[in-house]
Amino acid sequence: MLSEQDRVIWEEELAQFVPQRVFDAHVHLLDRRHLSQVEGAFLNWKDTDWNALQDCAQQLFPGRELHCLVLGTPSPGIDVESHNRWIAQQIQLDSQSRMNRLVTPTCKTVEIERDFAEWRFNGLKPYRLFSVTGDPHQCRIADFLTHSQLEFADEHRLWVTMHLSRYHGCADELNLSDLEEYTTKRYPNVRWILAHCARSFSYWPIRQAIPILRQMPNLWYDVSAVTDLRPLITLFQEEDIKRIFYGSDLVDSTFFRGKYVTLGRAWCGLNADQYSLRFPHCDGRPILAIYEQLLAMKHAAEIVGLSSSDIEDIFWKNAESAFGVKFGQGT
């Protein structure tokens, strides 16, 4: 539920910034019955079906028309087939929302092709936690997204939402060389969305990588869960606005009071409810992380000098064009 301070921030800071139409290119649904007992204890995300997501969205963005790109929930041990089938059933409730099929290295191409024929999903969602190396922190793209899966995506011109691994994210030399090879030579028809400002929760990775990334074709970004102003300034200033999607990482990754804080080049999530924080000099009422993200987007847009049309591009027009979304026709 929204607090009094959340409502103040929305009404005084964000209501005039967020357009009447919103396409959220990064959300997760979850039915915990698809998790193993072990992983169910590890992943503390709550059950979120389509109706729960819409209830949350209407609290956050009252009166807005909202559609989504639903990504598979990344959790080792998840029942991939059941989870994907459930998501496909859920998004049938909205004809203008889309889904990416969760894939792991064990997913066979014939299974992906079967699901594509049945559901016509938008793209693939791999995740570093499924890396065949057993190391989700320093693995390369091909360690958790196989070349046969990329060949299928290339054949069908699918999207891939990529949460980059490795400590330097998009600034990592191996990630950059892999992306350059995949986008320009090996899989030229795959369309990539680099999640979280190309996984730049702090200022440094995107500043290092943007001169190279902006030269790559078929590359887009979502801004989900980035609450630091600086990477958003770099992205808005240095990239083509047409290549940026709004995303939230709802529900559990941003529907908490706190933010993703930076310390130098490092970053981590800070949930204010889990710490005894002191606010001796101010009104100490933290707000939802998604509102922290939107504030950072608003301030970055003001600093860079984005127009109202640019902001609409980010929030919905780019997705309308890329995903064939028709606002005003959701069911």
Protein backbone atom coordinates (compact mmCIF):
# COMPACT_ATOMS: atom_id res chain seq x y z
CA MET A 1 0.00 0.00 0.00
CA LEU A 2 1.09 3.55 -0.67
CA SER A 3 2.04 5.64 2.34
CA GLU A 4 1.15 9.27 2.90
CA GLN A 5 4.65 10.29 1.79
CA ASP A 6 4.38 8.14 -1.36
CA ARG A 7 1.19 9.96 -2.27
CA VAL A 8 2.81 13.35 -1.68
CA ILE A 9 5.66 12.44 -4.03
CA TRP A 10 3.22 11.21 -6.68
CA GLU A 11 0.94 14.19 -6.52
CA GLU A 12 3.58 16.90 -6.19
CA GLU A 13 6.46 15.45 -8.21
CA LEU A 14 5.40 12.67 -10.57
CA ALA A 15 1.78 13.06 -11.68
CA GLN A 16 2.73 15.71 -14.24
CA PHE A 17 5.78 13.75 -15.40
CA VAL A 18 4.34 10.28 -16.09
CA PRO A 19 2.26 10.30 -19.31
CA GLN A 20 -1.28 9.00 -19.54
CA ARG A 21 0.01 5.98 -21.45
CA VAL A 22 2.69 3.68 -20.04
CA PHE A 23 4.32 0.55 -21.42
CA ASP A 24 6.40 -1.21 -18.79
CA ALA A 25 9.05 -3.26 -20.57
CA HIS A 26 10.28 -5.09 -17.47
CA VAL A 27 7.85 -6.78 -15.08
CA HIS A 28 7.71 -10.20 -13.43
CA LEU A 29 4.83 -12.47 -12.50
CA LEU A 30 5.19 -15.38 -10.14
CA ASP A 31 3.23 -18.38 -8.95
CA ARG A 32 5.32 -19.87 -6.16
CA ARG A 33 3.95 -23.33 -6.89
CA HIS A 34 6.41 -23.39 -9.79
CA LEU A 35 9.37 -23.15 -7.41
CA SER A 36 11.04 -26.10 -5.77
CA GLN A 37 10.82 -26.31 -1.99
CA VAL A 38 14.45 -25.24 -1.63
CA GLU A 39 14.22 -22.30 -3.99
CA GLY A 40 10.85 -21.33 -2.61
CA ALA A 41 12.55 -20.74 0.71
CA PHE A 42 15.36 -18.76 -0.97
CA LEU A 43 13.28 -16.47 -3.20
CA ASN A 44 11.15 -14.24 -0.99
CA TRP A 45 9.09 -12.74 -3.84
CA LYS A 46 5.38 -13.10 -3.30
CA ASP A 47 2.77 -14.54 -5.66
CA THR A 48 1.88 -11.98 -8.32
CA ASP A 49 -0.63 -12.77 -11.05
CA TRP A 50 -1.90 -10.40 -13.74
CA ASN A 51 -4.68 -8.96 -11.59
CA ALA A 52 -2.30 -8.31 -8.70
CA LEU A 53 0.10 -6.58 -11.07
CA GLN A 54 -2.67 -4.35 -12.39
CA ASP A 55 -3.81 -3.50 -8.86
CA CYS A 56 -0.26 -2.48 -8.00
CA ALA A 57 0.12 -0.44 -11.19
CA GLN A 58 -3.11 1.44 -10.59
CA GLN A 59 -1.96 2.34 -7.09
CA LEU A 60 1.33 3.62 -8.44
CA PHE A 61 0.05 5.29 -11.63
CA PRO A 62 -3.59 6.16 -11.04
CA GLY A 63 -5.63 6.72 -14.16
CA ARG A 64 -2.92 5.58 -16.58
CA GLU A 65 -3.40 3.04 -19.35
CA LEU A 66 -0.67 0.49 -18.77
CA HIS A 67 0.55 -2.52 -20.73
CA CYS A 68 3.60 -4.65 -20.06
CA LEU A 69 6.33 -6.90 -21.32
CA VAL A 70 6.27 -9.78 -18.83
CA LEU A 71 9.56 -11.56 -18.26
CA GLY A 72 10.05 -14.99 -16.80
CA THR A 73 11.02 -15.00 -13.14
CA PRO A 74 14.67 -15.99 -12.69
CA SER A 75 15.05 -18.62 -10.01
CA PRO A 76 17.17 -21.78 -10.19
CA GLY A 77 14.96 -24.81 -9.78
CA ILE A 78 11.86 -23.17 -11.21
CA ASP A 79 9.59 -25.38 -13.30
CA VAL A 80 10.30 -23.59 -16.57
CA GLU A 81 7.57 -25.24 -18.63
CA SER A 82 4.80 -24.66 -16.09
CA HIS A 83 5.97 -21.13 -15.35
CA ASN A 84 6.02 -20.12 -19.03
CA ARG A 85 2.65 -21.67 -19.71
CA TRP A 86 1.13 -19.87 -16.73
CA ILE A 87 2.52 -16.51 -17.88
CA ALA A 88 1.12 -17.10 -21.37
CA GLN A 89 -2.29 -17.70 -19.81
CA GLN A 90 -1.99 -14.60 -17.64
CA ILE A 91 -1.18 -12.14 -20.40
CA GLN A 92 -4.14 -13.34 -22.44
CA LEU A 93 -6.06 -11.01 -20.12
CA ASP A 94 -4.50 -8.06 -21.99
CA SER A 95 -4.16 -8.23 -25.77
CA GLN A 96 -1.64 -5.36 -25.81
CA SER A 97 0.83 -6.85 -23.35
CA ARG A 98 3.66 -9.14 -24.41
CA MET A 99 5.83 -11.87 -22.91
CA ASN A 100 9.37 -13.17 -23.13
CA ARG A 101 9.82 -16.90 -22.68
CA LEU A 102 12.08 -17.80 -19.77
CA VAL A 103 14.95 -19.90 -21.10
CA THR A 104 17.74 -21.82 -19.41
CA PRO A 105 20.64 -23.61 -21.11
CA THR A 106 18.72 -26.88 -20.71
CA CYS A 107 15.76 -25.63 -22.78
CA LYS A 108 15.83 -27.43 -26.12
CA THR A 109 15.14 -25.57 -29.34
CA VAL A 110 12.28 -27.93 -30.15
CA GLU A 111 10.58 -26.93 -26.88
CA ILE A 112 11.05 -23.24 -27.59
CA GLU A 113 9.75 -23.70 -31.14
CA ARG A 114 6.68 -25.55 -29.84
CA ASP A 115 5.87 -22.75 -27.41
CA PHE A 116 6.49 -20.08 -30.04
CA ALA A 117 4.01 -21.75 -32.38
CA GLU A 118 1.40 -21.89 -29.60
CA TRP A 119 1.88 -18.54 -27.87
CA ARG A 120 3.80 -16.35 -30.35
CA PHE A 121 5.86 -14.88 -27.51
CA ASN A 122 7.80 -11.70 -28.06
CA GLY A 123 11.27 -12.85 -27.15
CA LEU A 124 13.51 -14.78 -24.77
CA LYS A 125 14.50 -14.10 -21.17
CA PRO A 126 17.73 -15.80 -20.14
CA TYR A 127 19.33 -15.13 -16.79
CA ARG A 128 22.81 -15.38 -15.36
CA LEU A 129 21.61 -17.49 -12.40
CA PHE A 130 21.26 -20.41 -14.84
CA SER A 131 24.89 -20.23 -16.02
CA VAL A 132 26.39 -23.60 -16.92
CA THR A 133 29.61 -22.45 -15.22
CA GLY A 134 27.89 -22.37 -11.84
CA ASP A 135 29.13 -18.80 -11.41
CA PRO A 136 26.31 -16.28 -11.93
CA HIS A 137 28.58 -13.32 -11.23
CA GLN A 138 31.38 -13.66 -13.78
CA CYS A 139 29.81 -15.68 -16.59
CA ARG A 140 29.56 -14.68 -20.24
CA ILE A 141 26.37 -14.43 -22.27
CA ALA A 142 26.81 -17.80 -23.99
CA ASP A 143 27.10 -19.47 -20.57
CA PHE A 144 23.39 -18.87 -19.92
CA LEU A 145 21.96 -18.25 -23.41
CA THR A 146 22.98 -20.99 -25.84
CA HIS A 147 23.95 -20.44 -29.44
CA SER A 148 21.15 -22.72 -30.62
CA GLN A 149 18.67 -20.51 -28.75
CA LEU A 150 20.22 -17.43 -30.33
CA GLU A 151 19.96 -19.04 -33.76
CA PHE A 152 16.24 -19.56 -33.16
CA ALA A 153 15.87 -15.96 -31.99
CA ASP A 154 17.75 -14.76 -35.05
CA GLU A 155 15.55 -16.80 -37.40
CA HIS A 156 12.36 -15.36 -35.88
CA ARG A 157 13.66 -11.83 -35.18
CA LEU A 158 12.96 -12.17 -31.47
CA TRP A 159 13.84 -9.85 -28.64
CA VAL A 160 16.23 -10.87 -25.86
CA THR A 161 16.09 -9.05 -22.53
CA MET A 162 19.58 -9.32 -21.12
CA HIS A 163 20.68 -8.74 -17.54
CA LEU A 164 24.42 -8.73 -18.10
CA SER A 165 26.70 -10.61 -15.76
CA ARG A 166 30.33 -9.84 -14.83
CA TYR A 167 31.40 -7.27 -12.28
CA HIS A 168 31.68 -4.36 -14.69
CA GLY A 169 28.41 -5.08 -16.51
CA CYS A 170 28.27 -3.33 -19.86
CA ALA A 171 31.78 -1.95 -19.36
CA ASP A 172 33.25 -5.45 -19.26
CA GLU A 173 35.47 -6.09 -22.27
CA LEU A 174 34.16 -9.62 -22.81
CA ASN A 175 30.54 -8.49 -22.66
CA LEU A 176 31.26 -5.72 -25.14
CA SER A 177 33.09 -8.01 -27.54
CA ASP A 178 30.33 -10.64 -27.34
CA LEU A 179 27.59 -8.07 -27.96
CA GLU A 180 29.50 -6.56 -30.85
CA GLU A 181 29.97 -9.98 -32.45
CA TYR A 182 26.34 -10.98 -31.92
CA THR A 183 24.78 -7.73 -33.12
CA THR A 184 26.98 -7.06 -36.14
CA LYS A 185 28.00 -10.52 -37.37
CA ARG A 186 26.59 -13.66 -35.86
CA TYR A 187 22.93 -12.90 -35.00
CA PRO A 188 22.04 -9.69 -36.86
CA ASN A 189 18.25 -10.19 -36.54
CA VAL A 190 18.13 -10.57 -32.76
CA ARG A 191 16.92 -7.43 -30.99
CA TRP A 192 18.48 -6.88 -27.60
CA ILE A 193 17.15 -5.02 -24.57
CA LEU A 194 19.92 -4.38 -22.06
CA ALA A 195 18.07 -4.26 -18.76
CA HIS A 196 18.77 -1.73 -16.00
CA CYS A 197 20.51 0.83 -18.24
CA ALA A 198 22.74 -1.99 -19.51
CA ARG A 199 23.12 -3.01 -15.85
CA SER A 200 24.45 0.38 -14.84
CA PHE A 201 23.10 0.97 -11.36
CA SER A 202 26.07 3.27 -10.78
CA TYR A 203 27.52 5.96 -13.02
CA TRP A 204 30.64 4.15 -14.19
CA PRO A 205 29.70 1.21 -16.49
CA ILE A 206 27.49 3.18 -18.88
CA ARG A 207 29.98 6.07 -19.07
CA GLN A 208 32.68 3.63 -20.11
CA ALA A 209 30.56 1.62 -22.53
CA ILE A 210 28.21 4.07 -24.22
CA PRO A 211 30.61 5.11 -27.02
CA ILE A 212 30.75 1.45 -28.10
CA LEU A 213 27.16 0.43 -27.35
CA ARG A 214 25.61 3.25 -29.35
CA GLN A 215 27.39 2.02 -32.46
CA MET A 216 25.78 -1.42 -32.24
CA PRO A 217 22.62 -2.13 -34.24
CA ASN A 218 19.46 -3.69 -32.80
CA LEU A 219 20.27 -2.59 -29.27
CA TRP A 220 17.82 -1.04 -26.82
CA TYR A 221 17.80 -0.38 -23.07
CA ASP A 222 15.27 -0.46 -20.28
CA VAL A 223 15.72 1.79 -17.25
CA SER A 224 14.19 -0.56 -14.69
CA ALA A 225 15.21 -0.24 -11.03
CA VAL A 226 17.93 2.36 -11.69
CA THR A 227 17.51 4.94 -8.94
CA ASP A 228 20.83 6.77 -9.37
CA LEU A 229 20.52 9.96 -11.39
CA ARG A 230 23.91 9.72 -13.09
CA PRO A 231 23.58 6.67 -15.36
CA LEU A 232 20.23 8.02 -16.56
CA ILE A 233 21.83 11.35 -17.47
CA THR A 234 24.47 9.53 -19.51
CA LEU A 235 21.92 7.33 -21.24
CA PHE A 236 19.51 10.18 -22.05
CA GLN A 237 22.32 12.44 -23.20
CA GLU A 238 24.46 10.03 -25.19
CA GLU A 239 21.99 7.52 -26.71
CA ASP A 240 19.18 7.79 -29.21
CA ILE A 241 16.00 8.31 -27.17
CA LYS A 242 14.24 5.98 -29.63
CA ARG A 243 16.32 3.11 -28.19
CA ILE A 244 15.16 3.52 -24.57
CA PHE A 245 12.18 1.80 -22.93
CA TYR A 246 10.60 2.53 -19.60
CA GLY A 247 10.70 -0.46 -17.25
CA SER A 248 10.03 -0.86 -13.53
CA ASP A 249 11.14 -4.35 -12.44
CA LEU A 250 7.85 -4.65 -10.58
CA VAL A 251 6.67 -6.05 -8.36
CA ASP A 252 9.12 -7.17 -5.71
CA SER A 253 12.29 -5.52 -7.02
CA THR A 254 10.99 -1.96 -6.71
CA PHE A 255 7.84 -2.11 -4.56
CA PHE A 256 9.74 -1.59 -1.32
CA ARG A 257 10.74 1.56 0.55
CA GLY A 258 14.34 2.25 -0.29
CA LYS A 259 16.47 2.36 -3.40
CA TYR A 260 19.51 0.94 -5.13
CA VAL A 261 22.33 2.95 -3.58
CA THR A 262 25.80 3.55 -4.99
CA LEU A 263 29.11 3.70 -3.16
CA GLY A 264 31.76 4.75 -5.64
CA ARG A 265 31.37 2.37 -8.56
CA ALA A 266 29.59 -0.24 -6.44
CA TRP A 267 25.88 -0.57 -5.76
CA CYS A 268 23.44 -2.56 -3.68
CA GLY A 269 19.78 -2.61 -2.76
CA LEU A 270 18.78 -0.81 0.43
CA ASN A 271 15.40 -1.71 1.93
CA ALA A 272 14.74 0.89 4.63
CA ASP A 273 12.43 -1.47 6.51
CA GLN A 274 15.34 -3.84 7.15
CA TYR A 275 17.57 -1.30 8.87
CA SER A 276 17.30 1.08 11.82
CA LEU A 277 17.99 4.18 9.78
CA ARG A 278 18.12 7.55 11.51
CA PHE A 279 16.94 10.83 10.04
CA PRO A 280 17.88 13.51 12.59
CA HIS A 281 17.77 16.42 10.14
CA CYS A 282 14.65 15.75 8.09
CA ASP A 283 11.28 14.06 7.79
CA GLY A 284 12.47 10.47 7.67
CA ARG A 285 9.83 8.72 5.63
CA PRO A 286 11.42 6.75 2.77
CA ILE A 287 9.37 6.23 -0.37
CA LEU A 288 8.93 3.32 -2.75
CA ALA A 289 11.94 2.45 -4.87
CA ILE A 290 9.89 2.75 -8.06
CA TYR A 291 9.14 6.37 -7.14
CA GLU A 292 12.86 6.90 -6.48
CA GLN A 293 13.46 5.61 -10.01
CA LEU A 294 10.84 7.92 -11.50
CA LEU A 295 12.29 10.90 -9.62
CA ALA A 296 15.73 10.09 -10.99
CA MET A 297 14.27 9.82 -14.51
CA LYS A 298 12.47 13.14 -14.10
CA HIS A 299 15.54 14.98 -12.86
CA ALA A 300 17.77 13.44 -15.56
CA ALA A 301 15.25 14.46 -18.22
CA GLU A 302 15.25 18.02 -16.88
CA ILE A 303 19.04 18.23 -16.77
CA VAL A 304 19.46 16.83 -20.29
CA GLY A 305 16.59 18.93 -21.61
CA LEU A 306 14.33 16.19 -22.93
CA SER A 307 11.10 17.35 -24.52
CA SER A 308 7.64 16.09 -23.59
CA SER A 309 7.73 14.09 -26.83
CA ASP A 310 11.02 12.44 -25.77
CA ILE A 311 9.47 11.47 -22.46
CA GLU A 312 6.46 9.97 -24.21
CA ASP A 313 8.86 8.04 -26.46
CA ILE A 314 10.48 6.46 -23.42
CA PHE A 315 7.26 5.69 -21.59
CA TRP A 316 5.18 4.29 -24.45
CA LYS A 317 5.82 5.41 -28.04
CA ASN A 318 9.00 3.39 -28.52
CA ALA A 319 7.26 0.26 -27.26
CA GLU A 320 4.21 0.99 -29.40
CA SER A 321 6.45 0.94 -32.46
CA ALA A 322 8.74 -1.91 -31.42
CA PHE A 323 6.14 -4.36 -30.10
CA GLY A 324 3.10 -3.43 -32.20
CA VAL A 325 1.16 -2.18 -29.17
CA LYS A 326 -2.12 -0.37 -29.78
CA PHE A 327 -3.13 1.81 -26.87
CA GLY A 328 -6.84 2.15 -26.26
CA GLN A 329 -7.43 -1.46 -27.34
CA GLY A 330 -6.32 -3.48 -24.32
CA THR A 331 -8.75 -6.10 -23.04
